[in-house]
Amino acid sequence: MNAKLPLRCLAFCGLWVGLTAAAQTIDLRLSVKIILNPTTGTRPGGITPTMFTNAVAAANQWMAGYWRGYRYKLIEVADIGGPAQGGTNGPSKWFGRDPRNTDDGTWQSFQSDVQGSSLYLLRTNALNYYVSTAMHWNTGGAAPFPWEAPAWIAAWGIVNDGPFWVVHECGHFYGLVHTHGGCGCPSTAGCTLLNGYWVGDDGLSDTLKEAAGDSCFTNINQLTLANFNKWFTNCTSAEQTLAMNTFSNVMSYHDPPNKDLLVNRLTEQQADLFATYANSDRAHTISGRTRFVSLSGNNANSGLNSAAPKRTVLNAVNASAAGGGDIVLVRPGNYNEQITINKTVTLRATRSGWATIGKP
């Protein structure tokens, strides 16, 4: 018996279990490549390996607050390109460049280059993140969504030593769109539809809709006036929570000067979507799986999709990896089952409420 259980939101009755070490986590493997100057072989201004170590450590403090057990694991920071690797004909052709323009095929060319040469050190078991420009406080970038070309597993970004770019850009890689849909700020050209999500809508009910241009709101009163026709202080508690979850959401564009400090929220529906894509399209980049359990579920389901959970905790535990590494995520409610756990697995409950196991 070797079960590992975080007890923040779980109550156990009739569950025989031996508590051991802290709950296991699921690694989201991240490989960073720094593109060097084609002539001098130097890194972009201010870019150092330590910066990425600090950024990932800060990002994981945010990830811990979502209570899903995911952590980014920086598996390498490598220099690529420079005069010894082809100069302007190697990876350094992208030095100082921003490859995000998809209208002229630049983004597609970048993805093709990354896959076409071993000099780019593309890892098939990780999210590959390329950096070609100097450190900047106003971070940004691009990461391929799971529904784009399947072979696109390379991201590019403007980075610093803060957590926002890690959680935001990598969030796209695991299926999260902006709270304002697919649109940029202030321009919304070419962004009327993204994988079924219209401008101003991320498709989730626990974030507010934002009309075109609303992603540029500078204060939360603008957001509540647009949605509820009243100031934030006049909103109900539920309305204020929705507003805060949107304005301070890590997938938003609000409050750029403070985004490494305050723009860190992730809703339960966003976390569900993240886990679903991590279990499927992006499973090659992670160390374990999340199995969803709900009183409305069905044990015939795999439990790997948040919309198709299993019904019992025991069935989810039995479906988990024999060697450990998986998480069983139990939705709120009373699960009237008495079980014995005989493998290493972590049981977690969501921030939505308590889950009780074994109570008649």
Protein backbone atom coordinates (compact mmCIF):
# COMPACT_ATOMS: atom_id res chain seq x y z
CA MET A 1 0.00 0.00 0.00
CA ASN A 2 1.59 3.23 -1.13
CA ALA A 3 -1.00 5.93 -1.81
CA LYS A 4 -0.12 9.59 -1.85
CA LEU A 5 -2.96 11.97 -1.05
CA PRO A 6 -3.14 15.76 -0.80
CA LEU A 7 -5.78 16.41 1.85
CA ARG A 8 -6.76 20.02 1.15
CA CYS A 9 -10.17 19.21 -0.34
CA LEU A 10 -10.61 15.51 0.29
CA ALA A 11 -12.36 13.90 3.22
CA PHE A 12 -12.02 10.14 3.69
CA CYS A 13 -14.36 7.73 5.44
CA GLY A 14 -13.85 3.99 5.13
CA LEU A 15 -10.81 4.40 2.85
CA TRP A 16 -7.85 2.31 3.96
CA VAL A 17 -4.72 4.16 3.00
CA GLY A 18 -1.15 4.63 4.12
CA LEU A 19 0.02 8.23 3.84
CA THR A 20 3.63 8.60 2.73
CA ALA A 21 5.44 11.48 1.05
CA ALA A 22 3.97 14.60 -0.51
CA ALA A 23 1.66 14.18 -3.47
CA GLN A 24 3.29 13.42 -6.78
CA THR A 25 3.06 15.92 -9.61
CA ILE A 26 2.87 15.63 -13.38
CA ASP A 27 5.82 17.15 -15.23
CA LEU A 28 5.22 19.34 -18.28
CA ARG A 29 8.58 19.05 -20.02
CA LEU A 30 9.98 22.32 -21.39
CA SER A 31 13.07 22.56 -23.61
CA VAL A 32 14.43 26.08 -24.23
CA LYS A 33 16.70 26.95 -27.13
CA ILE A 34 18.52 30.30 -27.35
CA ILE A 35 19.28 31.39 -30.92
CA LEU A 36 22.74 33.00 -31.16
CA ASN A 37 24.04 35.90 -33.21
CA PRO A 38 25.10 34.51 -36.62
CA THR A 39 28.41 36.43 -36.60
CA THR A 40 29.52 36.79 -32.99
CA GLY A 41 27.83 33.72 -31.49
CA THR A 42 26.52 35.78 -28.58
CA ARG A 43 23.07 35.48 -27.01
CA PRO A 44 20.37 38.12 -27.40
CA GLY A 45 20.66 40.96 -24.89
CA GLY A 46 19.92 39.99 -21.30
CA ILE A 47 19.17 36.33 -22.10
CA THR A 48 20.85 33.86 -19.71
CA PRO A 49 20.11 30.25 -18.70
CA THR A 50 19.46 31.39 -15.11
CA MET A 51 16.64 33.59 -16.35
CA PHE A 52 14.70 30.53 -17.50
CA THR A 53 15.31 28.67 -14.25
CA ASN A 54 13.86 31.63 -12.36
CA ALA A 55 10.90 32.02 -14.73
CA VAL A 56 9.92 28.35 -14.45
CA ALA A 57 10.26 28.39 -10.66
CA ALA A 58 7.97 31.42 -10.48
CA ALA A 59 5.52 29.85 -12.94
CA ASN A 60 5.31 26.71 -10.82
CA GLN A 61 4.25 28.78 -7.83
CA TRP A 62 1.25 29.84 -9.91
CA MET A 63 0.67 26.28 -11.10
CA ALA A 64 0.59 25.07 -7.49
CA GLY A 65 -2.24 27.51 -6.81
CA TYR A 66 -4.46 25.82 -9.42
CA TRP A 67 -4.40 22.55 -7.41
CA ARG A 68 -4.18 20.26 -10.43
CA GLY A 69 -0.70 18.87 -9.77
CA TYR A 70 0.96 20.12 -12.96
CA ARG A 71 4.47 21.57 -12.88
CA TYR A 72 6.74 22.79 -15.66
CA LYS A 73 10.04 20.94 -15.74
CA LEU A 74 12.90 22.70 -17.51
CA ILE A 75 14.81 19.80 -19.06
CA GLU A 76 17.40 21.92 -20.89
CA VAL A 77 18.50 25.40 -21.91
CA ALA A 78 20.68 25.10 -25.01
CA ASP A 79 22.44 27.56 -27.31
CA ILE A 80 21.89 26.95 -31.03
CA GLY A 81 23.14 28.63 -34.18
CA GLY A 82 26.04 31.05 -34.39
CA PRO A 83 28.93 31.07 -36.88
CA ALA A 84 29.83 27.44 -36.12
CA GLN A 85 26.34 26.24 -37.09
CA GLY A 86 25.79 27.79 -40.48
CA GLY A 87 25.65 31.47 -39.59
CA THR A 88 22.70 33.06 -41.38
CA ASN A 89 22.01 29.74 -43.12
CA GLY A 90 21.50 27.88 -39.83
CA PRO A 91 19.22 28.54 -36.84
CA SER A 92 20.68 32.06 -36.60
CA LYS A 93 18.68 33.09 -39.66
CA TRP A 94 16.01 33.81 -37.02
CA PHE A 95 18.28 35.82 -34.72
CA GLY A 96 16.55 39.09 -33.83
CA ARG A 97 13.47 38.14 -35.83
CA ASP A 98 9.86 37.64 -34.81
CA PRO A 99 8.40 34.65 -36.75
CA ARG A 100 4.79 35.12 -35.65
CA ASN A 101 3.43 36.67 -38.84
CA THR A 102 1.22 33.92 -40.24
CA ASP A 103 -0.20 35.97 -43.13
CA ASP A 104 2.97 35.74 -45.21
CA GLY A 105 3.93 32.18 -44.22
CA THR A 106 6.68 33.21 -41.79
CA TRP A 107 5.31 31.09 -38.94
CA GLN A 108 4.99 28.09 -41.22
CA SER A 109 8.57 28.63 -42.44
CA PHE A 110 9.82 28.75 -38.87
CA GLN A 111 8.06 25.48 -38.01
CA SER A 112 9.48 23.84 -41.16
CA ASP A 113 13.01 24.98 -40.33
CA VAL A 114 12.76 23.69 -36.77
CA GLN A 115 11.68 20.26 -38.02
CA GLY A 116 14.03 20.17 -40.99
CA SER A 117 17.42 20.50 -39.29
CA SER A 118 18.94 18.71 -36.31
CA LEU A 119 20.70 21.97 -35.42
CA TYR A 120 17.43 23.20 -33.87
CA LEU A 121 17.56 20.37 -31.26
CA LEU A 122 13.84 19.67 -31.58
CA ARG A 123 12.69 17.30 -28.81
CA THR A 124 9.72 15.05 -29.52
CA ASN A 125 9.01 14.58 -25.80
CA ALA A 126 8.79 18.25 -24.80
CA LEU A 127 7.42 21.67 -25.58
CA ASN A 128 10.25 23.31 -27.57
CA TYR A 129 10.59 27.04 -26.83
CA TYR A 130 12.83 29.21 -29.01
CA VAL A 131 14.17 32.64 -28.05
CA SER A 132 15.77 34.95 -30.61
CA THR A 133 15.31 38.47 -29.21
CA ALA A 134 16.44 40.41 -26.16
CA MET A 135 14.83 40.14 -22.74
CA HIS A 136 11.86 42.50 -22.36
CA TRP A 137 9.46 43.28 -19.53
CA ASN A 138 6.48 43.10 -21.88
CA THR A 139 6.73 39.45 -22.76
CA GLY A 140 4.83 37.68 -25.51
CA GLY A 141 5.14 35.04 -28.14
CA ALA A 142 3.33 32.30 -29.97
CA ALA A 143 2.69 28.63 -29.37
CA PRO A 144 0.86 26.19 -31.66
CA PHE A 145 -2.57 25.06 -30.54
CA PRO A 146 -3.22 21.29 -30.41
CA TRP A 147 -5.68 21.54 -33.31
CA GLU A 148 -3.14 23.18 -35.63
CA ALA A 149 -0.75 21.19 -37.83
CA PRO A 150 0.02 18.14 -35.65
CA ALA A 151 3.75 18.38 -36.18
CA TRP A 152 3.92 21.95 -34.86
CA ILE A 153 5.44 21.54 -31.42
CA ALA A 154 7.70 24.61 -31.43
CA ALA A 155 6.93 27.87 -29.65
CA TRP A 156 8.69 31.22 -29.88
CA GLY A 157 8.70 34.02 -27.38
CA ILE A 158 9.86 37.33 -25.95
CA VAL A 159 10.85 36.40 -22.40
CA ASN A 160 12.01 37.63 -19.03
CA ASP A 161 12.56 35.98 -15.64
CA GLY A 162 8.87 36.28 -14.65
CA PRO A 163 6.14 33.61 -14.66
CA PHE A 164 3.58 35.10 -17.06
CA TRP A 165 5.12 34.10 -20.40
CA VAL A 166 5.62 30.50 -19.23
CA VAL A 167 2.04 29.96 -18.06
CA HIS A 168 0.41 32.03 -20.83
CA GLU A 169 2.32 30.85 -23.92
CA CYS A 170 2.57 27.25 -22.74
CA GLY A 171 -1.13 27.46 -21.89
CA HIS A 172 -1.80 27.90 -25.61
CA PHE A 173 0.23 24.76 -26.29
CA TYR A 174 -2.11 22.84 -23.95
CA GLY A 175 -5.27 24.15 -25.59
CA LEU A 176 -6.09 27.45 -23.89
CA VAL A 177 -7.20 30.46 -25.94
CA HIS A 178 -7.32 34.05 -24.78
CA THR A 179 -10.20 35.08 -22.55
CA HIS A 180 -11.08 37.47 -25.38
CA GLY A 181 -11.07 34.70 -27.96
CA GLY A 182 -8.36 34.56 -30.59
CA CYS A 183 -7.83 38.28 -31.03
CA GLY A 184 -4.88 40.49 -30.42
CA CYS A 185 -4.70 43.95 -28.90
CA PRO A 186 -5.48 46.53 -30.13
CA SER A 187 -5.93 45.11 -33.64
CA THR A 188 -8.50 42.37 -34.19
CA ALA A 189 -7.83 41.95 -37.91
CA GLY A 190 -8.04 38.35 -39.04
CA CYS A 191 -9.26 37.09 -35.67
CA THR A 192 -13.00 36.69 -36.14
CA LEU A 193 -12.96 32.94 -35.60
CA LEU A 194 -10.52 30.56 -33.92
CA ASN A 195 -11.34 26.85 -33.78
CA GLY A 196 -15.01 27.60 -33.33
CA TYR A 197 -14.52 30.43 -30.83
CA TRP A 198 -15.80 33.81 -32.01
CA VAL A 199 -14.14 37.08 -31.20
CA GLY A 200 -14.71 38.01 -27.58
CA ASP A 201 -15.41 34.47 -26.36
CA ASP A 202 -13.11 31.71 -25.13
CA GLY A 203 -16.06 29.29 -25.06
CA LEU A 204 -16.00 28.99 -21.26
CA SER A 205 -18.77 30.11 -18.92
CA ASP A 206 -16.54 30.92 -15.95
CA THR A 207 -14.90 33.84 -17.79
CA LEU A 208 -16.74 36.90 -19.08
CA LYS A 209 -17.21 37.68 -22.75
CA GLU A 210 -15.09 40.51 -24.10
CA ALA A 211 -16.04 42.44 -27.21
CA ALA A 212 -13.44 43.28 -29.84
CA GLY A 213 -10.95 45.65 -28.25
CA ASP A 214 -12.00 44.86 -24.68
CA SER A 215 -8.77 42.96 -24.20
CA CYS A 216 -7.19 46.42 -23.94
CA PHE A 217 -9.26 47.44 -20.89
CA THR A 218 -7.04 49.14 -18.33
CA ASN A 219 -9.31 48.71 -15.30
CA ILE A 220 -11.88 46.24 -14.07
CA ASN A 221 -14.74 48.77 -14.06
CA GLN A 222 -14.64 48.86 -17.85
CA LEU A 223 -15.10 45.08 -17.88
CA THR A 224 -18.06 45.07 -15.47
CA LEU A 225 -19.73 48.01 -17.21
CA ALA A 226 -19.49 46.13 -20.51
CA ASN A 227 -20.96 42.92 -19.04
CA PHE A 228 -23.21 43.98 -16.16
CA ASN A 229 -23.78 47.69 -16.83
CA LYS A 230 -22.52 48.65 -13.38
CA TRP A 231 -19.34 49.44 -11.49
CA PHE A 232 -17.32 46.62 -9.95
CA THR A 233 -18.20 47.70 -6.40
CA ASN A 234 -21.91 47.49 -7.25
CA CYS A 235 -21.65 43.93 -8.60
CA THR A 236 -22.73 40.87 -6.65
CA SER A 237 -20.10 38.61 -5.15
CA ALA A 238 -20.56 36.12 -7.99
CA GLU A 239 -20.25 38.87 -10.61
CA GLN A 240 -17.12 40.22 -8.96
CA THR A 241 -15.56 36.75 -9.02
CA LEU A 242 -16.31 36.40 -12.73
CA ALA A 243 -14.82 39.82 -13.39
CA MET A 244 -11.67 39.11 -11.38
CA ASN A 245 -11.28 35.69 -13.01
CA THR A 246 -11.36 37.41 -16.39
CA PHE A 247 -9.45 40.65 -15.80
CA SER A 248 -6.65 38.94 -13.87
CA ASN A 249 -6.67 35.78 -15.99
CA VAL A 250 -3.32 34.47 -17.13
CA MET A 251 -4.80 33.99 -20.62
CA SER A 252 -5.84 37.66 -20.86
CA TYR A 253 -4.08 40.78 -22.12
CA HIS A 254 -5.14 43.02 -19.22
CA ASP A 255 -2.82 45.09 -17.02
CA PRO A 256 0.49 44.39 -18.86
CA PRO A 257 2.71 46.33 -16.40
CA ASN A 258 1.63 44.03 -13.57
CA LYS A 259 1.18 40.76 -15.42
CA ASP A 260 4.09 39.02 -13.67
CA LEU A 261 2.53 39.90 -10.30
CA LEU A 262 -1.24 39.97 -10.62
CA VAL A 263 -2.40 38.43 -13.91
CA ASN A 264 -2.23 34.87 -12.70
CA ARG A 265 -5.75 33.41 -12.42
CA LEU A 266 -6.89 30.21 -14.11
CA THR A 267 -10.51 29.06 -13.85
CA GLU A 268 -11.73 25.53 -13.24
CA GLN A 269 -12.98 25.18 -16.82
CA GLN A 270 -9.64 26.37 -18.16
CA ALA A 271 -7.86 23.86 -15.94
CA ASP A 272 -10.16 21.09 -17.23
CA LEU A 273 -9.41 21.99 -20.83
CA PHE A 274 -5.69 22.13 -20.11
CA ALA A 275 -5.74 18.65 -18.56
CA THR A 276 -7.82 17.19 -21.40
CA TYR A 277 -5.32 18.31 -24.05
CA ALA A 278 -2.38 17.30 -21.85
CA ASN A 279 -3.92 13.81 -21.69
CA SER A 280 -4.39 13.54 -25.46
CA ASP A 281 -2.77 15.69 -28.16
CA ARG A 282 0.09 16.72 -25.89
CA ALA A 283 0.51 13.49 -23.95
CA HIS A 284 4.01 12.99 -25.37
CA THR A 285 5.24 16.03 -23.43
CA ILE A 286 4.07 15.05 -19.92
CA SER A 287 5.01 12.47 -17.30
CA GLY A 288 1.55 11.25 -16.27
CA ARG A 289 -2.20 11.47 -16.84
CA THR A 290 -5.17 12.99 -15.03
CA ARG A 291 -8.23 10.75 -14.62
CA PHE A 292 -11.45 12.68 -14.05
CA VAL A 293 -14.09 11.29 -11.66
CA SER A 294 -17.62 12.66 -11.22
CA LEU A 295 -20.88 11.47 -9.72
CA SER A 296 -22.39 12.07 -13.17
CA GLY A 297 -19.68 10.05 -14.90
CA ASN A 298 -19.62 6.59 -16.42
CA ASN A 299 -17.05 3.91 -15.70
CA ALA A 300 -17.05 2.99 -19.38
CA ASN A 301 -15.33 6.32 -20.03
CA SER A 302 -11.56 6.55 -20.04
CA GLY A 303 -11.68 9.46 -17.62
CA LEU A 304 -9.02 11.27 -19.68
CA ASN A 305 -11.46 13.87 -21.01
CA SER A 306 -13.00 16.33 -18.56
CA ALA A 307 -16.32 16.00 -20.40
CA ALA A 308 -16.32 12.20 -20.03
CA PRO A 309 -15.30 11.36 -16.45
CA LYS A 310 -15.44 8.02 -14.70
CA ARG A 311 -18.10 7.38 -12.06
CA THR A 312 -16.13 5.81 -9.21
CA VAL A 313 -12.81 6.58 -7.62
CA LEU A 314 -11.87 2.87 -7.61
CA ASN A 315 -12.38 2.57 -11.35
CA ALA A 316 -10.22 5.63 -11.96
CA VAL A 317 -7.51 4.29 -9.67
CA ASN A 318 -7.57 0.93 -11.45
CA ALA A 319 -7.20 2.70 -14.81
CA SER A 320 -4.17 4.65 -13.62
CA ALA A 321 -0.62 3.67 -14.50
CA ALA A 322 0.63 0.66 -12.57
CA GLY A 323 4.00 2.27 -11.98
CA GLY A 324 2.58 5.51 -10.61
CA GLY A 325 2.68 9.05 -11.94
CA ASP A 326 -1.04 9.59 -12.51
CA ILE A 327 -3.55 11.84 -10.73
CA VAL A 328 -7.18 10.97 -10.00
CA LEU A 329 -9.17 14.21 -9.93
CA VAL A 330 -12.36 13.83 -7.87
CA ARG A 331 -15.17 16.31 -8.46
CA PRO A 332 -17.28 17.54 -5.50
CA GLY A 333 -19.71 15.12 -3.89
CA ASN A 334 -19.95 12.02 -1.73
CA TYR A 335 -18.56 8.83 -3.25
CA ASN A 336 -20.10 6.01 -1.24
CA GLU A 337 -17.41 3.40 -1.84
CA GLN A 338 -14.92 1.69 0.41
CA ILE A 339 -11.75 0.95 -1.48
CA THR A 340 -8.23 -0.32 -1.03
CA ILE A 341 -5.54 1.45 -3.03
CA ASN A 342 -2.56 -0.74 -3.83
CA LYS A 343 -0.60 1.44 -6.22
CA THR A 344 1.13 4.82 -6.15
CA VAL A 345 -1.47 7.36 -7.20
CA THR A 346 -2.45 10.86 -6.13
CA LEU A 347 -6.07 11.73 -5.36
CA ARG A 348 -6.96 15.39 -5.80
CA ALA A 349 -10.13 17.41 -5.46
CA THR A 350 -10.88 20.59 -7.40
CA ARG A 351 -11.22 24.08 -5.97
CA SER A 352 -14.97 23.76 -6.63
CA GLY A 353 -15.65 21.96 -3.34
CA TRP A 354 -15.20 18.96 -1.07
CA ALA A 355 -15.09 15.36 -2.21
CA THR A 356 -15.94 12.70 0.39
CA ILE A 357 -15.09 9.05 -0.15
CA GLY A 358 -16.58 6.14 1.76
CA LYS A 359 -19.32 7.97 3.63
CA PRO A 360 -22.66 6.09 3.56
